[in-house]
Amino acid sequence: MSSVTRSSTASGPADSPAHGWPPRGERRKRALVRRAIALATCVGLGVAGCGSDDSSSSSSGTSSSQSSSATASTGAGKANTAEVVAAANAFLKTLSDDEKDTALYDFDDEAKAKGWSNFPISLAARNGIEFADLDDDQKAAALKVMETALSEQGYEELEDIRIADEYLSEVGSSGSGGGPGGGDDYGADKYFLALFGEPSETEQFTVQFNGHHAGYNITYYKDDVSLSPTLTAIEPSEFETDGKSYAPLQDKRDTTIAAIGSLSDSELDKAEIDGSFDDLLLGPGNDGPFPDPEGVVVGDLTDKQQDKVTAMIRTWVDDLDEEAAEALIAKYVSEYDETYLGWSGATAIDNKDTYVRVDGPSVWIEFSNQGGIVVDGVHQHTIFRDQTADYGWN
C-alpha cells in the first residue's frame, strides 16, 4: 500500500463517530466496564489501591517497602531482576554518600514522573546523577546497569542515541547542521541515572536513565519488569561521525511504516485518528489519561498484517532483556482483539506529519515524525508505555 497524506483540519480529537466502529461515548463505556471488572477483582483479592485513578497518590515520603506491600503485578514474568539488582548495587558502591543522595530516591517520590524530559537540560532539570560528574569507573558501572537491563540490541540503540547527541553538540556548535536550533545542551555525557527504591529482588524499584533523546523508566518487581514509559528518539535519522555510519531506530522506522503500509485503502480510512499531532501525545511530562482507542482492530486484520504489527511492537519490547521481552510480546499479542492500529497526518517515513499509534489494553506505542531542530530534515520521537504498568504497578 502506498503512503498517504491527509490535510489536518483539527488540532485534537473530535467527538464524532469513526469509521464503522463504536462511537467515542460507547468506547468510553466499554473502557469503564473493563475498569470496573478490574476494580472488582482487586476488591475480591483485598488489594489496596489498585483501582485508584491517581497512580501518584502516595506521598513522596512513603517508603518503597510500604508501597510494594500492596502491589498487584500485571507483568508477564521472566525478568532478570537479580542481575539488575547486582549491577545497580555495584554502581551505588562506587558513589560517595553525597552522590548516593543524588542518585537514590524513595520509590514513590513524585519526582519520578516529573524529573525526566527530552527538552535540553537547561530547560528541564533531570533526576539523578549526571554522567559528566562521574569518573570513568563510576560511568562504566552506571552503563553496566543499563547493559544488564537491556538486550544487546537495546543497549546498542541507547549508545547510538548518546553518540547522536554528541554529534548534535558538534554540528550545533559549528552551525553546520542546517536546522533552526543549537546543540550546546546535548552530548553523550549529558545523561542522568536515578534509582527509585532500593534495588531489591522482592520490592519494586525503578531504574531511570534520561538525557535528551533517550529516557528509560524500567521498573522491577520480583519476576516482573515494565519498560514503561520509555522514550527513544533520534536526530538526525542517519549520520556519520569518526568514520562510522549510524542509523539508530532504523528497525522502528522500518517496521512501523511496514505495519501501517500493509493496510488497504478502506482499512486506512478506518485507521485514521481524529486530529493532528506535531509530537507525542503521551510523551515525557504527559502521563495521561490515555485517550479512547482509535484505529482498526488488529485482531480483525489478516495473519500477515498482524505479523507486521507484532514485528513493529517487537522493536520496542525487544530492547528489554530477551526472556522478559518474549513474555511481554506473548501478552500483547493475546490482546489483539482489543488492540488498535491508527495513524494521523501521513504514513511516509520522510514526511514530518507522519504519526502512527498502537493502542491496546496494555501496549501503547507512538511514532511521531518531527522537523529538524539542529539538523535539517525529518527525525523521530517515539514512546512506549504499558497501560497496566506505567512507572510500575499501583
Protein backbone atom coordinates (compact mmCIF):
# COMPACT_ATOMS: atom_id res chain seq x y z
CA MET A 1 0.00 0.00 0.00
CA SER A 2 1.42 3.40 -0.94
CA SER A 3 1.83 6.04 1.71
CA VAL A 4 -0.86 8.67 2.19
CA THR A 5 -1.04 12.24 3.38
CA ARG A 6 -4.14 13.93 4.72
CA SER A 7 -4.61 17.60 5.39
CA SER A 8 -5.44 18.12 9.05
CA THR A 9 -8.26 20.47 9.96
CA ALA A 10 -8.35 19.73 13.66
CA SER A 11 -5.79 20.15 16.39
CA GLY A 12 -7.23 17.48 18.65
CA PRO A 13 -9.62 14.52 18.75
CA ALA A 14 -13.22 15.09 17.74
CA ASP A 15 -16.36 13.57 19.25
CA SER A 16 -17.91 12.28 16.03
CA PRO A 17 -18.29 8.52 15.43
CA ALA A 18 -15.47 6.96 13.44
CA HIS A 19 -15.40 4.54 10.56
CA GLY A 20 -17.55 1.52 11.32
CA TRP A 21 -16.69 1.02 14.99
CA PRO A 22 -18.39 2.23 18.18
CA PRO A 23 -18.67 5.99 18.79
CA ARG A 24 -16.43 7.58 21.37
CA GLY A 25 -19.05 7.53 24.14
CA GLU A 26 -19.69 3.83 23.69
CA ARG A 27 -15.97 3.08 23.69
CA ARG A 28 -15.63 5.03 26.93
CA LYS A 29 -18.45 2.92 28.44
CA ARG A 30 -16.60 -0.23 27.43
CA ALA A 31 -13.40 1.11 28.98
CA LEU A 32 -15.26 1.88 32.21
CA VAL A 33 -16.74 -1.63 32.22
CA ARG A 34 -13.26 -3.11 31.85
CA ARG A 35 -12.05 -0.86 34.68
CA ALA A 36 -15.00 -1.89 36.89
CA ILE A 37 -14.17 -5.55 36.34
CA ALA A 38 -10.55 -4.89 37.28
CA LEU A 39 -11.61 -2.96 40.38
CA ALA A 40 -13.98 -5.73 41.43
CA THR A 41 -11.13 -8.20 41.07
CA CYS A 42 -8.92 -6.01 43.25
CA VAL A 43 -11.62 -5.80 45.92
CA GLY A 44 -12.11 -9.54 45.81
CA LEU A 45 -8.38 -10.08 46.25
CA GLY A 46 -8.17 -7.49 49.02
CA VAL A 47 -5.57 -5.50 47.08
CA ALA A 48 -5.36 -1.93 48.34
CA GLY A 49 -5.05 0.92 45.89
CA CYS A 50 -5.07 -0.97 42.59
CA GLY A 51 -8.24 0.74 41.41
CA SER A 52 -7.09 4.29 42.03
CA ASP A 53 -7.26 6.80 39.21
CA ASP A 54 -4.18 8.57 40.56
CA SER A 55 -1.08 6.43 40.18
CA SER A 56 0.95 9.01 42.11
CA SER A 57 -1.45 9.40 45.02
CA SER A 58 1.07 8.06 47.54
CA SER A 59 3.12 10.75 49.20
CA SER A 60 6.78 11.07 48.31
CA GLY A 61 7.59 10.27 51.92
CA THR A 62 6.12 6.75 51.70
CA SER A 63 8.80 4.11 51.79
CA SER A 64 9.27 1.74 48.88
CA SER A 65 8.53 -1.25 51.10
CA GLN A 66 5.19 0.24 52.11
CA SER A 67 4.22 0.96 48.52
CA SER A 68 5.14 -2.53 47.36
CA SER A 69 3.36 -4.40 50.15
CA ALA A 70 0.03 -3.92 48.35
CA THR A 71 1.36 -4.43 44.83
CA ALA A 72 -0.68 -6.50 42.40
CA SER A 73 1.58 -7.08 39.41
CA THR A 74 0.22 -7.42 35.89
CA GLY A 75 3.61 -8.36 34.47
CA ALA A 76 4.46 -11.32 32.27
CA GLY A 77 7.43 -12.58 34.30
CA LYS A 78 10.88 -13.75 33.17
CA ALA A 79 12.67 -10.60 34.36
CA ASN A 80 16.42 -10.79 35.10
CA THR A 81 15.81 -8.92 38.36
CA ALA A 82 18.69 -10.46 40.34
CA GLU A 83 21.24 -9.44 37.71
CA VAL A 84 19.92 -5.86 37.57
CA VAL A 85 19.92 -5.61 41.38
CA ALA A 86 23.55 -6.73 41.45
CA ALA A 87 24.54 -4.19 38.77
CA ALA A 88 22.64 -1.38 40.50
CA ASN A 89 24.23 -2.14 43.87
CA ALA A 90 27.66 -2.29 42.24
CA PHE A 91 27.03 1.18 40.81
CA LEU A 92 25.91 2.54 44.19
CA LYS A 93 29.09 1.21 45.80
CA THR A 94 31.16 3.45 43.53
CA LEU A 95 29.43 6.58 44.86
CA SER A 96 30.17 8.75 47.85
CA ASP A 97 27.41 9.33 50.41
CA ASP A 98 26.56 12.68 48.82
CA GLU A 99 26.47 11.12 45.37
CA LYS A 100 24.18 8.35 46.66
CA ASP A 101 21.83 11.02 47.99
CA THR A 102 21.71 12.49 44.49
CA ALA A 103 21.14 9.17 42.73
CA LEU A 104 18.76 7.36 45.10
CA TYR A 105 15.10 8.28 45.74
CA ASP A 106 12.14 6.73 47.53
CA PHE A 107 10.18 4.55 45.12
CA ASP A 108 7.05 6.72 45.41
CA ASP A 109 8.84 10.06 45.04
CA GLU A 110 6.76 12.21 42.70
CA ALA A 111 9.98 13.37 41.05
CA LYS A 112 9.98 10.09 39.12
CA ALA A 113 7.28 11.30 36.75
CA LYS A 114 8.33 14.94 36.73
CA GLY A 115 12.10 14.82 36.51
CA TRP A 116 12.70 13.39 33.05
CA SER A 117 12.29 15.02 29.64
CA ASN A 118 13.51 15.26 26.07
CA PHE A 119 13.99 19.03 26.38
CA PRO A 120 17.52 20.45 26.72
CA ILE A 121 18.77 20.14 30.29
CA SER A 122 18.90 23.93 30.56
CA LEU A 123 15.10 23.94 30.20
CA ALA A 124 14.18 20.81 32.17
CA ALA A 125 16.08 19.54 35.22
CA ARG A 126 16.71 15.79 35.42
CA ASN A 127 16.60 13.33 38.29
CA GLY A 128 19.72 11.56 39.43
CA ILE A 129 23.43 11.96 38.93
CA GLU A 130 24.88 13.32 35.68
CA PHE A 131 27.41 11.34 33.71
CA ALA A 132 29.53 14.47 33.36
CA ASP A 133 30.07 14.35 37.15
CA LEU A 134 31.20 10.72 37.23
CA ASP A 135 34.71 9.37 36.86
CA ASP A 136 35.42 6.61 34.34
CA ASP A 137 34.82 3.75 36.79
CA GLN A 138 31.54 5.23 38.01
CA LYS A 139 30.38 5.87 34.45
CA ALA A 140 31.22 2.30 33.45
CA ALA A 141 29.23 0.99 36.44
CA ALA A 142 26.27 3.19 35.53
CA LEU A 143 26.29 1.95 31.95
CA LYS A 144 26.58 -1.63 33.20
CA VAL A 145 23.20 -1.19 34.89
CA MET A 146 21.65 -0.31 31.53
CA GLU A 147 23.56 -3.01 29.68
CA THR A 148 22.21 -5.58 32.15
CA ALA A 149 18.64 -4.30 31.97
CA LEU A 150 18.52 -4.13 28.19
CA SER A 151 19.07 -6.64 25.42
CA GLU A 152 22.11 -6.40 23.17
CA GLN A 153 20.08 -4.52 20.56
CA GLY A 154 18.52 -2.29 23.21
CA TYR A 155 21.85 -1.32 24.71
CA GLU A 156 23.38 -0.70 21.27
CA GLU A 157 20.46 1.60 20.46
CA LEU A 158 20.95 3.51 23.72
CA GLU A 159 24.65 4.01 22.99
CA ASP A 160 23.94 5.07 19.39
CA ILE A 161 21.46 7.68 20.65
CA ARG A 162 24.12 9.05 23.03
CA ILE A 163 26.57 9.24 20.13
CA ALA A 164 23.92 11.09 18.11
CA ASP A 165 23.54 13.61 20.92
CA GLU A 166 27.31 14.15 20.88
CA TYR A 167 27.06 14.64 17.12
CA LEU A 168 24.32 17.23 17.64
CA SER A 169 26.58 19.08 20.04
CA GLU A 170 29.37 19.19 17.49
CA VAL A 171 27.33 20.29 14.48
CA GLY A 172 25.21 22.64 16.58
CA SER A 173 28.25 24.41 17.96
CA SER A 174 29.75 24.77 14.49
CA GLY A 175 26.46 25.91 12.95
CA SER A 176 26.76 23.29 10.20
CA GLY A 177 23.56 21.36 10.94
CA GLY A 178 21.23 23.49 8.83
CA GLY A 179 18.42 23.39 11.39
CA PRO A 180 16.96 26.34 13.31
CA GLY A 181 18.18 25.26 16.78
CA GLY A 182 21.52 24.86 18.53
CA GLY A 183 23.12 21.80 20.08
CA ASP A 184 25.02 23.19 23.06
CA ASP A 185 22.72 21.43 25.56
CA TYR A 186 23.26 17.99 24.07
CA GLY A 187 26.03 15.45 24.50
CA ALA A 188 26.86 11.84 25.39
CA ASP A 189 27.66 12.81 28.99
CA LYS A 190 24.55 14.93 29.48
CA TYR A 191 22.66 11.87 30.69
CA PHE A 192 21.49 11.04 34.20
CA LEU A 193 20.92 7.85 36.16
CA ALA A 194 18.49 7.66 39.10
CA LEU A 195 17.22 4.76 41.18
CA PHE A 196 13.76 4.93 42.76
CA GLY A 197 13.62 2.48 45.63
CA GLU A 198 16.50 0.39 46.95
CA PRO A 199 17.46 -2.28 44.39
CA SER A 200 15.59 -5.37 45.54
CA GLU A 201 14.51 -8.81 44.36
CA THR A 202 11.30 -8.60 46.41
CA GLU A 203 10.16 -4.96 46.30
CA GLN A 204 9.55 -2.55 43.43
CA PHE A 205 12.37 -0.32 42.24
CA THR A 206 12.85 1.75 39.09
CA VAL A 207 15.94 2.42 37.02
CA GLN A 208 15.55 5.82 35.35
CA PHE A 209 18.05 6.79 32.66
CA ASN A 210 17.48 10.07 30.83
CA GLY A 211 19.16 12.77 28.80
CA HIS A 212 17.89 14.17 25.52
CA HIS A 213 16.64 11.53 23.09
CA ALA A 214 16.65 8.53 25.42
CA GLY A 215 14.52 8.25 28.54
CA TYR A 216 14.07 4.84 30.19
CA ASN A 217 11.88 4.04 33.20
CA ILE A 218 12.43 0.34 33.89
CA THR A 219 10.62 -0.99 36.96
CA TYR A 220 11.24 -4.39 38.55
CA TYR A 221 9.05 -6.29 40.96
CA LYS A 222 10.11 -9.83 41.77
CA ASP A 223 9.96 -11.71 38.44
CA ASP A 224 8.25 -8.89 36.54
CA VAL A 225 9.60 -5.91 34.62
CA SER A 226 7.98 -2.88 32.98
CA LEU A 227 9.65 -0.72 30.33
CA SER A 228 7.06 1.99 30.82
CA PRO A 229 7.32 4.79 29.99
CA THR A 230 10.35 4.79 27.71
CA LEU A 231 11.25 7.44 25.14
CA THR A 232 13.56 6.61 22.24
CA ALA A 233 14.18 9.29 19.63
CA ILE A 234 16.87 10.37 17.22
CA GLU A 235 18.16 13.39 15.33
CA PRO A 236 19.32 13.02 12.64
CA SER A 237 17.91 9.69 11.49
CA GLU A 238 21.22 8.85 9.82
CA PHE A 239 24.65 10.37 10.33
CA GLU A 240 28.36 9.66 10.12
CA THR A 241 30.95 10.52 12.74
CA ASP A 242 34.53 9.37 13.34
CA GLY A 243 34.39 7.39 10.12
CA LYS A 244 31.40 5.26 11.13
CA SER A 245 27.81 5.40 9.88
CA TYR A 246 24.86 5.27 12.26
CA ALA A 247 21.11 4.83 11.76
CA PRO A 248 19.56 4.41 15.24
CA LEU A 249 15.88 3.42 15.36
CA GLN A 250 16.08 2.00 11.82
CA ASP A 251 14.21 -1.11 12.94
CA LYS A 252 11.47 1.01 14.48
CA ARG A 253 11.16 3.13 11.34
CA ASP A 254 11.04 0.12 9.00
CA THR A 255 8.53 -1.95 10.95
CA THR A 256 6.23 0.99 11.75
CA ILE A 257 5.94 2.02 8.12
CA ALA A 258 5.52 -1.64 7.09
CA ALA A 259 2.68 -2.17 9.58
CA ILE A 260 0.68 0.90 8.56
CA GLY A 261 1.59 0.33 4.90
CA SER A 262 0.04 -3.14 4.98
CA LEU A 263 -3.47 -1.67 5.31
CA SER A 264 -5.84 -1.45 2.35
CA ASP A 265 -7.43 1.85 1.38
CA SER A 266 -10.60 1.06 3.31
CA GLU A 267 -8.60 -0.06 6.34
CA LEU A 268 -6.56 3.15 6.20
CA ASP A 269 -9.81 5.13 6.30
CA LYS A 270 -10.89 3.23 9.41
CA ALA A 271 -7.45 3.61 10.96
CA GLU A 272 -7.23 7.39 10.65
CA ILE A 273 -7.11 9.09 14.07
CA ASP A 274 -9.05 12.31 14.63
CA GLY A 275 -6.91 15.43 14.89
CA SER A 276 -3.28 16.18 14.12
CA PHE A 277 -0.15 15.53 16.17
CA ASP A 278 3.02 17.55 15.91
CA ASP A 279 4.65 15.43 18.63
CA LEU A 280 3.91 12.59 21.04
CA LEU A 281 0.55 12.77 22.78
CA LEU A 282 1.78 10.98 25.91
CA GLY A 283 5.46 11.83 25.89
CA PRO A 284 7.59 12.96 28.84
CA GLY A 285 5.63 15.28 31.12
CA ASN A 286 2.24 14.00 29.95
CA ASP A 287 1.33 10.71 31.59
CA GLY A 288 -2.32 10.63 30.66
CA PRO A 289 -5.11 9.94 30.81
CA PHE A 290 -4.91 7.56 27.88
CA PRO A 291 -7.46 8.53 25.21
CA ASP A 292 -10.24 6.37 23.87
CA PRO A 293 -8.90 3.85 21.33
CA GLU A 294 -8.94 4.83 17.66
CA GLY A 295 -7.95 2.91 14.55
CA VAL A 296 -8.51 -0.56 13.14
CA VAL A 297 -8.72 -3.54 15.45
CA VAL A 298 -5.53 -5.55 14.98
CA GLY A 299 -7.42 -8.79 15.65
CA ASP A 300 -9.57 -8.10 12.56
CA LEU A 301 -6.56 -7.91 10.24
CA THR A 302 -5.10 -10.81 8.28
CA ASP A 303 -2.42 -13.01 9.81
CA LYS A 304 0.23 -11.35 7.63
CA GLN A 305 -0.88 -7.89 8.72
CA GLN A 306 -0.91 -8.95 12.37
CA ASP A 307 2.62 -10.31 11.93
CA LYS A 308 3.71 -6.86 10.77
CA VAL A 309 2.13 -5.25 13.83
CA THR A 310 3.89 -7.81 16.04
CA ALA A 311 7.18 -7.07 14.29
CA MET A 312 6.61 -3.37 14.99
CA ILE A 313 5.86 -3.90 18.70
CA ARG A 314 8.90 -6.17 18.98
CA THR A 315 11.30 -3.39 18.05
CA TRP A 316 10.37 -1.63 21.30
CA VAL A 317 9.82 -4.60 23.60
CA ASP A 318 12.93 -6.41 22.36
CA ASP A 319 15.01 -3.58 23.82
CA LEU A 320 14.46 -5.40 27.14
CA ASP A 321 16.34 -8.46 28.29
CA GLU A 322 15.37 -11.29 25.93
CA GLU A 323 13.34 -13.63 28.16
CA ALA A 324 11.23 -10.85 29.64
CA ALA A 325 10.65 -9.41 26.17
CA GLU A 326 9.31 -12.71 24.85
CA ALA A 327 6.87 -12.98 27.75
CA LEU A 328 5.58 -9.44 27.20
CA ILE A 329 5.20 -9.96 23.45
CA ALA A 330 3.03 -13.02 24.11
CA LYS A 331 0.88 -10.94 26.47
CA TYR A 332 0.41 -8.09 23.98
CA VAL A 333 -0.39 -10.43 21.06
CA SER A 334 -3.03 -12.17 23.18
CA GLU A 335 -4.83 -8.81 23.43
CA TYR A 336 -5.09 -8.11 19.69
CA ASP A 337 -8.89 -8.29 19.74
CA GLU A 338 -8.80 -5.09 21.83
CA THR A 339 -5.71 -3.50 20.27
CA TYR A 340 -5.91 -0.72 17.68
CA LEU A 341 -3.55 0.45 14.94
CA GLY A 342 -4.00 4.06 13.86
CA TRP A 343 -2.35 6.93 12.04
CA SER A 344 -2.68 10.66 11.50
CA GLY A 345 -1.27 13.22 9.07
CA ALA A 346 0.72 10.95 6.77
CA THR A 347 2.24 7.47 6.54
CA ALA A 348 5.53 8.11 4.71
CA ILE A 349 8.82 7.91 6.57
CA ASP A 350 10.10 11.13 5.00
CA ASN A 351 7.00 13.20 5.82
CA LYS A 352 7.25 15.28 9.00
CA ASP A 353 3.49 14.89 9.59
CA THR A 354 3.61 11.08 9.86
CA TYR A 355 2.17 9.79 13.13
CA VAL A 356 1.41 6.12 13.95
CA ARG A 357 -0.04 4.62 17.13
CA VAL A 358 -0.65 1.17 18.62
CA ASP A 359 -3.14 1.19 21.50
CA GLY A 360 -4.14 -1.95 23.38
CA PRO A 361 -5.39 -2.81 26.85
CA SER A 362 -1.69 -2.94 27.79
CA VAL A 363 0.64 -1.83 25.00
CA TRP A 364 0.82 1.81 23.89
CA ILE A 365 3.27 2.98 21.20
CA GLU A 366 3.52 6.33 19.47
CA PHE A 367 5.79 7.04 16.50
CA SER A 368 5.92 10.72 15.55
CA ASN A 369 8.00 12.32 12.82
CA GLN A 370 9.48 15.72 13.60
CA GLY A 371 11.00 18.53 11.57
CA GLY A 372 14.70 19.19 12.05
CA ILE A 373 15.88 21.16 15.09
CA VAL A 374 19.67 21.07 14.98
CA VAL A 375 19.99 19.20 11.67
CA ASP A 376 17.78 19.88 8.67
CA GLY A 377 15.43 17.03 7.80
CA VAL A 378 12.91 14.65 9.39
CA HIS A 379 13.67 12.83 12.63
CA GLN A 380 11.64 10.66 15.01
CA HIS A 381 10.24 10.74 18.53
CA THR A 382 8.76 7.52 19.94
CA ILE A 383 7.23 6.48 23.25
CA PHE A 384 6.48 3.04 24.66
CA ARG A 385 4.10 2.55 27.57
CA ASP A 386 2.32 -0.34 29.22
CA GLN A 387 -1.04 0.96 30.42
CA THR A 388 -1.13 -1.64 33.18
CA ALA A 389 2.36 -0.86 34.49
CA ASP A 390 3.28 2.78 33.88
CA TYR A 391 6.13 3.56 36.30
CA GLY A 392 5.49 0.10 37.70
CA TRP A 393 2.41 -1.27 39.41
CA ASN A 394 -0.20 0.59 41.51
